[in-house]
């Protein structure tokens, strides 16, 4: 059971992030149809020019009373997390975004199929990027997964060169001890961070 203090407004936004799955997920529950139709009426979640709907707008768009809308939103949210119901969310589409960095050079490319997601620390040889990046050997610095509507989107950050597990631990320690800030890590090159920490840059 869900906590009674969950916000229906927040649930509404959460459901927007998977709005294209809701019709199939609740196909046997006609009472939720007006909410699902409303959530699918505009691209609320991905269009920055369309603000998230308020509960009042949802009431008007669905024709439901305040009490009904709140009750149904809570029920829908509860069902999504009910593993015993036999209903499951599906993310059949995949998108893999690779972001590469080597000193001041940056590039990115996207794949729609990948047999295996590379993990942090693994090294990749990408001969097709050598002319653009001046290097074809990279390591995985960070991996981020996002589940949006029916898409499993994976962002993979690559850095030129070879992985150094000691340096990874030292940099994490520096972040924890505030020897460097997250912004430093984002803006500074690896050799600049090493120099800042009193280490040999290469």
Protein backbone atom coordinates (compact mmCIF):
# COMPACT_ATOMS: atom_id res chain seq x y z
CA UNK A 1 0.00 0.00 0.00
CA UNK A 2 1.10 3.54 -0.71
CA UNK A 3 1.63 6.15 1.93
CA UNK A 4 -1.48 8.20 2.54
CA UNK A 5 0.45 11.47 2.37
CA UNK A 6 1.53 11.02 -1.25
CA UNK A 7 0.76 14.10 -3.32
CA UNK A 8 -1.74 13.53 -6.18
CA UNK A 9 -0.12 16.48 -7.97
CA UNK A 10 3.27 14.75 -7.87
CA UNK A 11 1.69 11.46 -8.93
CA UNK A 12 0.15 13.24 -11.92
CA UNK A 13 3.63 14.37 -13.05
CA UNK A 14 5.08 10.90 -12.41
CA UNK A 15 2.40 9.32 -14.59
CA UNK A 16 3.17 11.81 -17.35
CA UNK A 17 6.64 10.29 -17.64
CA UNK A 18 5.07 6.98 -18.72
CA UNK A 19 1.86 8.32 -20.29
CA UNK A 20 2.19 6.31 -23.50
CA UNK A 21 2.13 3.04 -21.50
CA UNK A 22 -0.94 3.78 -19.42
CA UNK A 23 -3.63 2.80 -21.95
CA UNK A 24 -2.20 -0.71 -22.28
CA UNK A 25 -1.39 -1.05 -18.58
CA UNK A 26 -4.94 -0.13 -17.49
CA UNK A 27 -6.80 -1.51 -20.54
CA UNK A 28 -9.21 -3.44 -18.30
CA UNK A 29 -9.98 -0.43 -16.08
CA UNK A 30 -12.41 1.88 -17.88
CA UNK A 31 -12.71 4.20 -14.90
CA UNK A 32 -9.16 5.51 -15.54
CA UNK A 33 -9.75 6.21 -19.24
CA UNK A 34 -10.52 9.93 -18.85
CA UNK A 35 -7.29 10.45 -16.88
CA UNK A 36 -5.24 8.49 -19.45
CA UNK A 37 -6.82 10.42 -22.34
CA UNK A 38 -6.06 13.70 -20.60
CA UNK A 39 -2.42 12.76 -19.93
CA UNK A 40 -2.03 11.82 -23.59
CA UNK A 41 -3.81 14.91 -24.94
CA UNK A 42 -0.59 16.97 -25.02
CA UNK A 43 3.11 16.31 -24.72
CA UNK A 44 3.18 17.70 -21.18
CA UNK A 45 6.30 15.81 -20.17
CA UNK A 46 8.69 16.47 -23.05
CA UNK A 47 7.59 19.80 -24.52
CA UNK A 48 9.21 22.65 -22.54
CA UNK A 49 6.61 25.08 -23.89
CA UNK A 50 3.75 23.14 -22.30
CA UNK A 51 3.61 23.41 -18.48
CA UNK A 52 2.64 20.45 -16.35
CA UNK A 53 -1.11 20.44 -15.74
CA UNK A 54 -2.51 21.43 -12.38
CA UNK A 55 -5.03 19.26 -10.57
CA UNK A 56 -7.71 21.83 -11.41
CA UNK A 57 -6.86 21.53 -15.10
CA UNK A 58 -6.92 17.74 -14.78
CA UNK A 59 -10.35 17.89 -13.12
CA UNK A 60 -11.66 20.04 -15.96
CA UNK A 61 -10.02 17.89 -18.64
CA UNK A 62 -11.27 14.60 -17.21
CA UNK A 63 -14.67 15.69 -15.94
CA UNK A 64 -13.89 14.04 -12.61
CA UNK A 65 -14.54 15.58 -9.23
CA UNK A 66 -11.65 16.47 -6.96
CA UNK A 67 -12.33 13.42 -4.80
CA UNK A 68 -12.58 11.05 -7.75
CA UNK A 69 -9.43 12.37 -9.42
CA UNK A 70 -7.33 12.07 -6.28
CA UNK A 71 -8.71 8.58 -5.55
CA UNK A 72 -8.04 7.31 -9.08
CA UNK A 73 -4.53 8.80 -9.26
CA UNK A 74 -3.61 7.08 -6.00
CA UNK A 75 -5.10 3.79 -7.22
CA UNK A 76 -3.24 3.97 -10.53
CA UNK A 77 0.05 4.72 -8.83
CA UNK A 78 -0.49 1.88 -6.37
CA UNK A 79 -1.14 -0.59 -9.21
CA UNK A 80 2.12 0.29 -10.97
CA UNK A 81 4.09 -0.88 -7.93
CA UNK A 82 1.95 -3.93 -7.21
CA UNK A 83 4.20 -6.77 -8.39
CA UNK A 84 1.51 -9.35 -7.56
CA UNK A 85 -0.97 -7.93 -10.08
CA UNK A 86 0.84 -9.44 -13.06
CA UNK A 87 0.88 -6.10 -14.90
CA UNK A 88 4.28 -4.72 -15.77
CA UNK A 89 5.68 -1.58 -17.34
CA UNK A 90 7.61 -2.12 -20.57
CA UNK A 91 10.48 -0.16 -22.09
CA UNK A 92 10.98 -1.93 -25.42
CA UNK A 93 12.75 0.92 -27.20
CA UNK A 94 16.42 1.59 -26.55
CA UNK A 95 18.65 4.58 -27.14
CA UNK A 96 22.35 4.68 -26.32
CA UNK A 97 24.01 8.10 -26.27
CA UNK A 98 27.80 8.21 -26.18
CA UNK A 99 29.53 11.42 -25.09
CA UNK A 100 33.27 11.54 -25.76
CA UNK A 101 35.91 13.88 -24.37
CA UNK A 102 39.62 14.11 -25.04
CA UNK A 103 41.22 17.34 -23.78
CA UNK A 104 39.26 20.13 -25.57
CA UNK A 105 37.69 17.80 -28.11
CA UNK A 106 34.09 16.68 -27.65
CA UNK A 107 31.77 14.55 -29.76
CA UNK A 108 28.75 12.35 -29.41
CA UNK A 109 26.89 9.67 -31.31
CA UNK A 110 23.73 7.65 -30.76
CA UNK A 111 22.96 3.96 -31.25
CA UNK A 112 19.59 2.24 -31.23
CA UNK A 113 20.99 -1.24 -30.69
CA UNK A 114 23.79 -2.50 -28.48
CA UNK A 115 24.43 -6.10 -27.51
CA UNK A 116 25.95 -5.16 -24.17
CA UNK A 117 26.14 -1.91 -22.22
CA UNK A 118 29.77 -1.08 -21.38
CA UNK A 119 30.44 -0.61 -17.67
CA UNK A 120 32.49 2.00 -15.84
CA UNK A 121 36.18 1.28 -16.27
CA UNK A 122 35.83 -0.80 -19.40
CA UNK A 123 37.88 0.31 -22.39
CA UNK A 124 36.54 0.79 -25.91
CA UNK A 125 38.25 1.00 -29.27
CA UNK A 126 36.31 3.28 -31.65
CA UNK A 127 38.28 3.53 -34.91
CA UNK A 128 35.53 5.50 -36.67
CA UNK A 129 36.02 8.54 -34.38
CA UNK A 130 39.81 8.88 -34.68
CA UNK A 131 39.82 11.67 -37.28
CA UNK A 132 37.46 13.76 -35.17
CA UNK A 133 38.91 13.03 -31.72
CA UNK A 134 42.61 12.36 -32.52
CA UNK A 135 42.28 9.14 -30.54
CA UNK A 136 40.35 5.91 -30.90
CA UNK A 137 40.87 4.42 -27.43
CA UNK A 138 38.47 5.43 -24.67
CA UNK A 139 37.32 4.27 -21.27
CA UNK A 140 33.88 4.48 -19.70
CA UNK A 141 33.82 7.20 -17.06
CA UNK A 142 30.11 7.22 -16.20
CA UNK A 143 26.88 5.48 -17.18
CA UNK A 144 23.39 6.88 -16.60
CA UNK A 145 20.08 5.09 -17.26
CA UNK A 146 16.79 6.89 -17.82
CA UNK A 147 13.34 5.36 -18.31
CA UNK A 148 11.09 7.73 -20.22
CA UNK A 149 7.70 6.71 -21.63
CA UNK A 150 8.56 3.45 -23.40
CA UNK A 151 12.25 4.20 -23.97
CA UNK A 152 15.24 2.92 -22.02
CA UNK A 153 17.77 5.68 -22.62
CA UNK A 154 21.39 5.09 -21.64
CA UNK A 155 23.95 7.90 -21.53
CA UNK A 156 27.57 6.76 -21.57
CA UNK A 157 30.42 9.20 -20.95
CA UNK A 158 33.77 8.25 -22.46
CA UNK A 159 37.18 9.78 -21.87
CA UNK A 160 40.18 9.34 -24.09
CA UNK A 161 42.97 7.07 -22.88
CA UNK A 162 43.09 4.20 -20.43
CA UNK A 163 41.21 3.68 -17.19
CA UNK A 164 43.06 4.12 -13.91
CA UNK A 165 41.19 2.70 -10.92
CA UNK A 166 43.52 4.42 -8.43
CA UNK A 167 42.83 7.81 -10.03
CA UNK A 168 39.08 7.14 -9.98
CA UNK A 169 39.21 6.48 -6.22
CA UNK A 170 41.43 9.50 -5.62
CA UNK A 171 39.11 11.81 -7.54
CA UNK A 172 36.06 10.45 -5.68
CA UNK A 173 37.92 11.07 -2.42
CA UNK A 174 38.71 14.62 -3.53
CA UNK A 175 35.04 15.25 -4.26
CA UNK A 176 34.00 13.80 -0.89
CA UNK A 177 36.57 15.90 0.97
CA UNK A 178 35.65 18.97 -1.12
CA UNK A 179 39.17 19.32 -2.41
CA UNK A 180 37.40 19.80 -5.73
CA UNK A 181 33.78 20.59 -6.50
CA UNK A 182 31.41 18.85 -8.91
CA UNK A 183 31.74 21.95 -11.11
CA UNK A 184 35.54 21.55 -11.08
CA UNK A 185 35.12 17.97 -12.24
CA UNK A 186 32.81 19.13 -15.03
CA UNK A 187 34.88 22.10 -16.23
CA UNK A 188 38.48 21.02 -15.63
CA UNK A 189 40.53 18.56 -17.63
CA UNK A 190 41.87 15.51 -15.83
CA UNK A 191 45.42 16.85 -15.90
CA UNK A 192 44.23 20.15 -14.38
CA UNK A 193 42.49 18.33 -11.53
CA UNK A 194 45.62 16.28 -10.91
CA UNK A 195 47.76 19.42 -10.80
CA UNK A 196 45.25 21.02 -8.42
CA UNK A 197 45.62 18.01 -6.11
CA UNK A 198 49.39 18.13 -6.28
CA UNK A 199 49.73 15.06 -8.51
CA UNK A 200 51.70 14.58 -11.73
CA UNK A 201 49.40 15.70 -14.57
CA UNK A 202 50.23 12.70 -16.79
